[in-house]
Amino acid sequence: MPVDAYAQAIESRLSGGGRDSDSDTGSDPEYTVDIARTPTEERTLIRDARYVTGMTLTDDVIESAEALEVFACAYAGTGHLPQQALAERGVTVTNASGVHGPNIAEHVIGAILSFTRRFHVGARRQRQNEWRHYTAYELQGSTVTVVGLGGIGQAIIPRLGPFGVETIGVRYSTEKGGPTDEVIGFEPEPFEDALARTDYLVLACPLTDDTRGLLDTAAFDTLPSKAVVINVARGPVIDTDALLSALQRGAIRGASLDVTDPEPLPPQHPLWSMGNVQLTPHNAGHTPKYYDRLADIVAENACRFFETGSTEGLENQVSLTKSA
């Protein structure tokens, strides 16, 4: 997706001031959206820019950003950013949380339905010109557990409603509740109990110290053998060796992986050729509406920032991690 489309989407939202008008002067504020097309141009343009958006920032680019106050990351995850350097400079960072909700939720529903009706088996028999029946499952009455009730998790749950399933949500802040029938935390006892009742386990959580390796051998042994794991979070949330072992020995029924660890998988990795594994190349986040949804957030935040001169109240602010 060309970055020009992103710039145009932002510009179109700012052309009318992003809001009704500048209340002090009665005239629309003027905004300029510039695209850095080369490394040299990037360092030149960022020198005086107070508000910057993009996929990433390197340490040397930050050194050139003398006036930077806000970096609007075009990804939902910000773990790849040099957070220490940004924090030391007092830069406010926002992300693309919520932008992916509809498309990733549809990806998850598609994966669940595919494994429920075992379309992968039908496709394999079609390729072999084989007209032979196979068993299938029914989604109604199943239990779907969603780990992570952020923008993506909360987009998944209502789309499951018409299928008549029971839902369990797993999140750190259980006091916030959620749209699931049940909300639990990551404490071992409730989490293990949820795994033992789960037919479809959806991982939609950020990668943190607590979620890294969350699905290990013990977790796969706790899941029912009929369970399917769907990962649209980050690859390292799953211990890949434990997953491979669980699939090979029938500890779970299958896995739909949009992310892997390592990513991409080496060409000869066994997961590529397993019949009960669906692999997509980190593609769940793709949508033709991505830049439009992101531009809505970025442009509105830009208007608020330049009108007030403050970063307070910007949508999707993230907390930066400082080294000890």
Protein backbone atom coordinates (compact mmCIF):
# COMPACT_ATOMS: atom_id res chain seq x y z
CA MET A 1 0.00 0.00 0.00
CA PRO A 2 1.76 3.19 -1.17
CA VAL A 3 2.52 5.70 1.55
CA ASP A 4 1.16 8.44 -0.72
CA ALA A 5 -2.32 7.06 -0.04
CA TYR A 6 -1.75 7.48 3.69
CA ALA A 7 -0.52 11.05 3.25
CA GLN A 8 -3.49 11.89 1.04
CA ALA A 9 -5.92 10.41 3.56
CA ILE A 10 -4.46 12.58 6.32
CA GLU A 11 -4.37 15.66 4.09
CA SER A 12 -8.00 15.25 3.06
CA ARG A 13 -9.03 15.18 6.72
CA LEU A 14 -6.93 18.22 7.55
CA SER A 15 -7.98 20.27 4.52
CA GLY A 16 -11.03 21.46 6.42
CA GLY A 17 -9.08 21.88 9.61
CA GLY A 18 -10.07 18.42 10.85
CA ARG A 19 -12.65 20.24 12.96
CA ASP A 20 -15.11 23.00 12.19
CA SER A 21 -12.70 25.92 12.39
CA ASP A 22 -10.15 27.76 14.47
CA SER A 23 -12.35 29.23 17.18
CA ASP A 24 -9.91 32.05 17.98
CA THR A 25 -9.39 33.45 14.50
CA GLY A 26 -12.51 32.26 12.74
CA SER A 27 -10.35 30.79 9.96
CA ASP A 28 -9.30 27.23 9.25
CA PRO A 29 -5.81 26.34 10.48
CA GLU A 30 -3.31 25.43 7.77
CA TYR A 31 -1.55 22.09 7.76
CA THR A 32 1.19 20.72 5.54
CA VAL A 33 1.74 16.99 5.06
CA ASP A 34 5.23 16.16 3.76
CA ILE A 35 6.53 12.75 2.72
CA ALA A 36 10.17 11.84 3.25
CA ARG A 37 11.16 9.72 0.24
CA THR A 38 14.88 9.29 0.96
CA PRO A 39 16.94 8.88 4.14
CA THR A 40 18.47 12.31 3.60
CA GLU A 41 15.08 13.92 3.09
CA GLU A 42 13.80 12.12 6.19
CA ARG A 43 16.49 13.70 8.36
CA THR A 44 15.93 17.11 6.80
CA LEU A 45 12.15 17.14 7.18
CA ILE A 46 12.10 15.73 10.68
CA ARG A 47 14.46 18.40 12.03
CA ASP A 48 11.70 20.99 12.49
CA ALA A 49 8.67 18.67 12.62
CA ARG A 50 6.68 18.64 15.84
CA TYR A 51 4.22 15.94 14.74
CA VAL A 52 5.48 12.89 12.81
CA THR A 53 3.79 9.68 11.69
CA GLY A 54 5.30 6.54 10.26
CA MET A 55 6.00 2.85 10.80
CA THR A 56 9.24 3.16 12.75
CA LEU A 57 11.98 5.49 13.95
CA THR A 58 15.66 4.70 14.23
CA ASP A 59 17.98 6.18 16.84
CA ASP A 60 19.88 8.24 14.27
CA VAL A 61 16.65 9.73 12.88
CA ILE A 62 15.56 10.65 16.40
CA GLU A 63 18.87 12.47 16.84
CA SER A 64 17.85 14.71 13.93
CA ALA A 65 14.34 15.28 15.34
CA GLU A 66 15.08 18.46 17.25
CA ALA A 67 11.47 19.63 17.57
CA LEU A 68 9.63 16.29 17.78
CA GLU A 69 6.78 16.21 20.28
CA VAL A 70 4.45 13.50 18.92
CA PHE A 71 5.16 10.32 16.97
CA ALA A 72 2.02 8.66 15.61
CA CYS A 73 3.07 5.07 15.01
CA ALA A 74 1.21 3.49 12.10
CA TYR A 75 1.33 0.08 13.79
CA ALA A 76 -0.70 -1.11 16.76
CA GLY A 77 2.46 -2.52 18.35
CA THR A 78 5.20 -0.15 19.46
CA GLY A 79 7.71 -2.59 20.92
CA HIS A 80 9.98 -2.11 17.89
CA LEU A 81 10.45 1.60 18.61
CA PRO A 82 13.49 2.98 20.51
CA GLN A 83 11.33 3.71 23.53
CA GLN A 84 14.15 4.77 25.81
CA ALA A 85 15.31 7.47 23.39
CA LEU A 86 11.75 8.70 22.84
CA ALA A 87 11.02 8.76 26.56
CA GLU A 88 14.20 10.70 27.32
CA ARG A 89 13.18 13.35 24.79
CA GLY A 90 9.66 13.55 26.21
CA VAL A 91 8.05 12.47 22.94
CA THR A 92 4.42 11.36 23.14
CA VAL A 93 3.73 8.19 21.16
CA THR A 94 0.36 7.06 19.83
CA ASN A 95 -0.46 3.85 17.99
CA ALA A 96 -2.95 2.37 15.55
CA SER A 97 -4.97 0.48 18.14
CA GLY A 98 -8.48 -0.26 16.88
CA VAL A 99 -7.61 0.22 13.22
CA HIS A 100 -7.26 -3.52 12.70
CA GLY A 101 -10.42 -4.54 14.56
CA PRO A 102 -12.83 -5.42 11.72
CA ASN A 103 -10.38 -7.11 9.35
CA ILE A 104 -8.52 -9.19 11.95
CA ALA A 105 -11.82 -10.18 13.54
CA GLU A 106 -13.02 -11.41 10.14
CA HIS A 107 -9.75 -13.32 9.71
CA VAL A 108 -10.32 -15.04 13.05
CA ILE A 109 -13.93 -15.92 12.25
CA GLY A 110 -12.80 -17.33 8.91
CA ALA A 111 -10.16 -19.49 10.59
CA ILE A 112 -12.64 -20.80 13.16
CA LEU A 113 -15.21 -21.67 10.48
CA SER A 114 -12.56 -23.26 8.28
CA PHE A 115 -11.52 -25.64 11.05
CA THR A 116 -15.11 -26.21 12.17
CA ARG A 117 -16.23 -27.35 8.72
CA ARG A 118 -12.73 -28.66 7.89
CA PHE A 119 -12.49 -26.83 4.58
CA HIS A 120 -8.77 -27.61 4.50
CA VAL A 121 -9.62 -31.31 4.24
CA GLY A 122 -12.10 -30.64 1.43
CA ALA A 123 -9.51 -28.53 -0.43
CA ARG A 124 -6.93 -31.28 -0.12
CA ARG A 125 -9.33 -33.88 -1.52
CA GLN A 126 -10.30 -31.54 -4.35
CA ARG A 127 -6.64 -31.21 -5.33
CA GLN A 128 -6.45 -34.99 -5.41
CA ASN A 129 -9.70 -35.35 -7.44
CA GLU A 130 -11.05 -37.39 -4.54
CA TRP A 131 -14.82 -37.40 -3.90
CA ARG A 132 -14.92 -38.88 -0.40
CA HIS A 133 -16.85 -37.70 2.62
CA TYR A 134 -15.11 -36.56 5.81
CA THR A 135 -16.34 -35.69 9.29
CA ALA A 136 -16.92 -32.05 10.29
CA TYR A 137 -17.78 -30.13 13.44
CA GLU A 138 -20.45 -27.67 14.54
CA LEU A 139 -19.54 -24.30 16.03
CA GLN A 140 -22.77 -23.84 17.96
CA GLY A 141 -22.31 -24.75 21.60
CA SER A 142 -18.52 -24.45 21.46
CA THR A 143 -16.41 -22.40 23.85
CA VAL A 144 -14.18 -19.72 22.35
CA THR A 145 -11.53 -18.16 24.56
CA VAL A 146 -10.01 -14.86 23.45
CA VAL A 147 -6.74 -13.86 25.12
CA GLY A 148 -6.56 -10.07 24.95
CA LEU A 149 -9.61 -7.81 25.07
CA GLY A 150 -8.17 -4.76 23.37
CA GLY A 151 -9.52 -3.34 20.12
CA ILE A 152 -9.05 -6.61 18.24
CA GLY A 153 -10.43 -8.88 20.95
CA GLN A 154 -13.46 -6.67 21.40
CA ALA A 155 -14.09 -6.74 17.64
CA ILE A 156 -13.98 -10.54 17.57
CA ILE A 157 -16.54 -11.21 20.30
CA PRO A 158 -19.67 -9.60 18.78
CA ARG A 159 -18.99 -11.35 15.47
CA LEU A 160 -19.17 -14.65 17.31
CA GLY A 161 -22.58 -13.82 18.78
CA PRO A 162 -24.79 -15.25 16.00
CA PHE A 163 -23.01 -18.62 16.19
CA GLY A 164 -24.32 -19.48 19.64
CA VAL A 165 -20.98 -19.98 21.38
CA GLU A 166 -19.85 -19.44 24.95
CA THR A 167 -17.04 -16.90 25.21
CA ILE A 168 -14.26 -16.39 27.76
CA GLY A 169 -12.09 -13.28 27.74
CA VAL A 170 -8.63 -13.16 29.29
CA ARG A 171 -7.18 -9.79 30.27
CA TYR A 172 -4.97 -8.24 32.94
CA SER A 173 -7.51 -5.67 34.12
CA THR A 174 -10.48 -7.93 34.87
CA GLU A 175 -12.21 -5.05 36.66
CA LYS A 176 -12.82 -3.49 33.24
CA GLY A 177 -15.01 -6.42 32.29
CA GLY A 178 -15.64 -7.09 28.64
CA PRO A 179 -18.12 -8.31 26.04
CA THR A 180 -17.47 -12.01 26.78
CA ASP A 181 -19.72 -14.25 28.87
CA GLU A 182 -16.89 -14.56 31.35
CA VAL A 183 -13.76 -12.48 32.02
CA ILE A 184 -10.73 -13.90 33.79
CA GLY A 185 -7.16 -12.85 34.49
CA PHE A 186 -3.82 -14.51 33.78
CA GLU A 187 -3.53 -16.12 37.21
CA PRO A 188 -2.60 -19.80 36.77
CA GLU A 189 -5.73 -21.40 38.22
CA PRO A 190 -8.44 -19.49 36.28
CA PHE A 191 -6.36 -19.47 33.10
CA GLU A 192 -5.75 -23.22 33.23
CA ASP A 193 -9.43 -23.83 33.96
CA ALA A 194 -10.37 -21.76 30.88
CA LEU A 195 -7.92 -23.66 28.69
CA ALA A 196 -9.42 -26.97 29.81
CA ARG A 197 -12.87 -25.80 28.62
CA THR A 198 -11.77 -24.25 25.34
CA ASP A 199 -12.60 -25.47 21.83
CA TYR A 200 -11.09 -22.48 19.98
CA LEU A 201 -8.31 -20.45 21.56
CA VAL A 202 -7.71 -17.04 19.98
CA LEU A 203 -4.53 -15.15 20.83
CA ALA A 204 -5.03 -11.40 20.30
CA CYS A 205 -2.81 -10.02 23.06
CA PRO A 206 0.30 -7.84 22.95
CA LEU A 207 3.71 -9.46 23.37
CA THR A 208 4.95 -8.73 26.89
CA ASP A 209 7.20 -10.46 29.39
CA ASP A 210 4.08 -12.16 30.75
CA THR A 211 2.66 -13.33 27.42
CA ARG A 212 5.95 -14.47 25.85
CA GLY A 213 5.76 -18.27 25.74
CA LEU A 214 2.25 -18.18 27.24
CA LEU A 215 1.33 -21.33 25.33
CA ASP A 216 3.94 -23.81 26.45
CA THR A 217 3.88 -27.59 26.78
CA ALA A 218 1.76 -27.45 29.94
CA ALA A 219 -0.80 -25.21 28.22
CA PHE A 220 -1.08 -27.51 25.22
CA ASP A 221 -1.50 -30.49 27.55
CA THR A 222 -4.30 -28.62 29.34
CA LEU A 223 -6.23 -27.80 26.17
CA PRO A 224 -8.67 -30.50 24.99
CA SER A 225 -7.42 -32.61 22.08
CA LYS A 226 -10.24 -31.17 19.93
CA ALA A 227 -9.00 -27.59 20.48
CA VAL A 228 -7.78 -25.30 17.71
CA VAL A 229 -5.35 -22.44 18.36
CA ILE A 230 -5.58 -19.22 16.32
CA ASN A 231 -2.71 -16.75 16.70
CA VAL A 232 -3.14 -13.18 15.40
CA ALA A 233 -0.99 -11.72 18.19
CA ARG A 234 2.76 -12.21 17.94
CA GLY A 235 4.70 -15.38 17.18
CA PRO A 236 6.59 -15.63 20.51
CA VAL A 237 3.32 -15.81 22.47
CA ILE A 238 3.53 -19.50 21.48
CA ASP A 239 6.47 -21.77 22.21
CA THR A 240 6.96 -23.09 18.67
CA ASP A 241 8.59 -26.35 19.72
CA ALA A 242 5.75 -27.04 22.16
CA LEU A 243 3.20 -26.27 19.44
CA LEU A 244 4.89 -28.58 16.96
CA SER A 245 4.98 -31.39 19.50
CA ALA A 246 1.30 -30.87 20.40
CA LEU A 247 0.28 -31.06 16.75
CA GLN A 248 2.39 -34.11 16.02
CA ARG A 249 1.09 -36.11 18.96
CA GLY A 250 -2.54 -35.02 18.59
CA ALA A 251 -2.66 -32.97 21.80
CA ILE A 252 -4.63 -30.35 19.82
CA ARG A 253 -6.61 -30.61 16.58
CA GLY A 254 -5.01 -27.80 14.62
CA ALA A 255 -3.59 -24.29 14.47
CA SER A 256 -4.14 -21.19 12.36
CA LEU A 257 -1.02 -19.04 12.50
CA ASP A 258 -0.84 -15.55 11.05
CA VAL A 259 2.37 -14.99 13.00
CA THR A 260 5.19 -17.39 13.85
CA ASP A 261 8.40 -17.62 15.81
CA PRO A 262 10.73 -17.29 13.99
CA GLU A 263 9.03 -15.16 11.35
CA PRO A 264 9.11 -16.14 8.60
CA LEU A 265 9.57 -19.82 9.27
CA PRO A 266 12.64 -21.44 7.70
CA PRO A 267 11.75 -23.11 4.35
CA GLN A 268 12.14 -26.64 5.72
CA HIS A 269 10.24 -26.09 8.97
CA PRO A 270 7.69 -28.91 9.61
CA LEU A 271 4.80 -26.46 10.18
CA TRP A 272 4.81 -25.59 6.47
CA SER A 273 3.67 -29.04 5.42
CA MET A 274 1.36 -30.10 8.23
CA GLY A 275 -2.18 -30.77 7.07
CA ASN A 276 -3.76 -29.41 10.26
CA VAL A 277 -1.93 -26.08 10.16
CA GLN A 278 -3.11 -22.97 8.33
CA LEU A 279 -0.33 -20.44 7.70
CA THR A 280 -0.86 -16.88 6.49
CA PRO A 281 2.08 -14.43 6.07
CA HIS A 282 1.20 -11.94 8.85
CA ASN A 283 -1.69 -10.97 6.62
CA ALA A 284 -4.63 -10.65 9.03
CA GLY A 285 -3.89 -6.95 9.42
CA HIS A 286 -4.32 -6.17 5.75
CA THR A 287 -7.38 -4.18 4.75
CA PRO A 288 -7.98 -1.63 1.98
CA LYS A 289 -9.46 0.62 4.68
CA TYR A 290 -6.33 0.63 6.85
CA TYR A 291 -5.03 4.07 5.91
CA ASP A 292 -8.51 5.60 6.12
CA ARG A 293 -9.08 4.35 9.66
CA LEU A 294 -5.57 5.32 10.72
CA ALA A 295 -5.85 8.77 9.17
CA ASP A 296 -9.03 9.40 11.16
CA ILE A 297 -7.06 8.98 14.39
CA VAL A 298 -3.86 10.71 13.27
CA ALA A 299 -5.59 13.75 11.77
CA GLU A 300 -7.89 14.23 14.76
CA ASN A 301 -4.94 14.02 17.13
CA ALA A 302 -2.97 16.46 14.98
CA CYS A 303 -5.81 18.97 15.12
CA ARG A 304 -6.09 18.64 18.86
CA PHE A 305 -2.34 18.94 19.36
CA PHE A 306 -1.83 22.02 17.19
CA GLU A 307 -4.95 23.76 18.46
CA THR A 308 -4.15 23.27 22.15
CA GLY A 309 -0.37 22.97 22.08
CA SER A 310 -0.75 20.01 24.42
CA THR A 311 -0.52 16.23 24.04
CA GLU A 312 -3.06 15.68 26.79
CA GLY A 313 -6.08 13.70 25.65
CA LEU A 314 -4.61 12.38 22.40
CA GLU A 315 -6.26 9.14 21.34
CA ASN A 316 -4.26 5.90 21.56
CA GLN A 317 -1.41 7.19 23.70
CA VAL A 318 0.98 4.45 24.79
CA SER A 319 3.26 4.25 27.82
CA LEU A 320 6.94 4.15 26.92
CA THR A 321 9.26 1.72 28.66
CA LYS A 322 12.37 3.24 30.24
CA SER A 323 15.40 1.16 31.05
CA ALA A 324 16.37 0.86 34.71
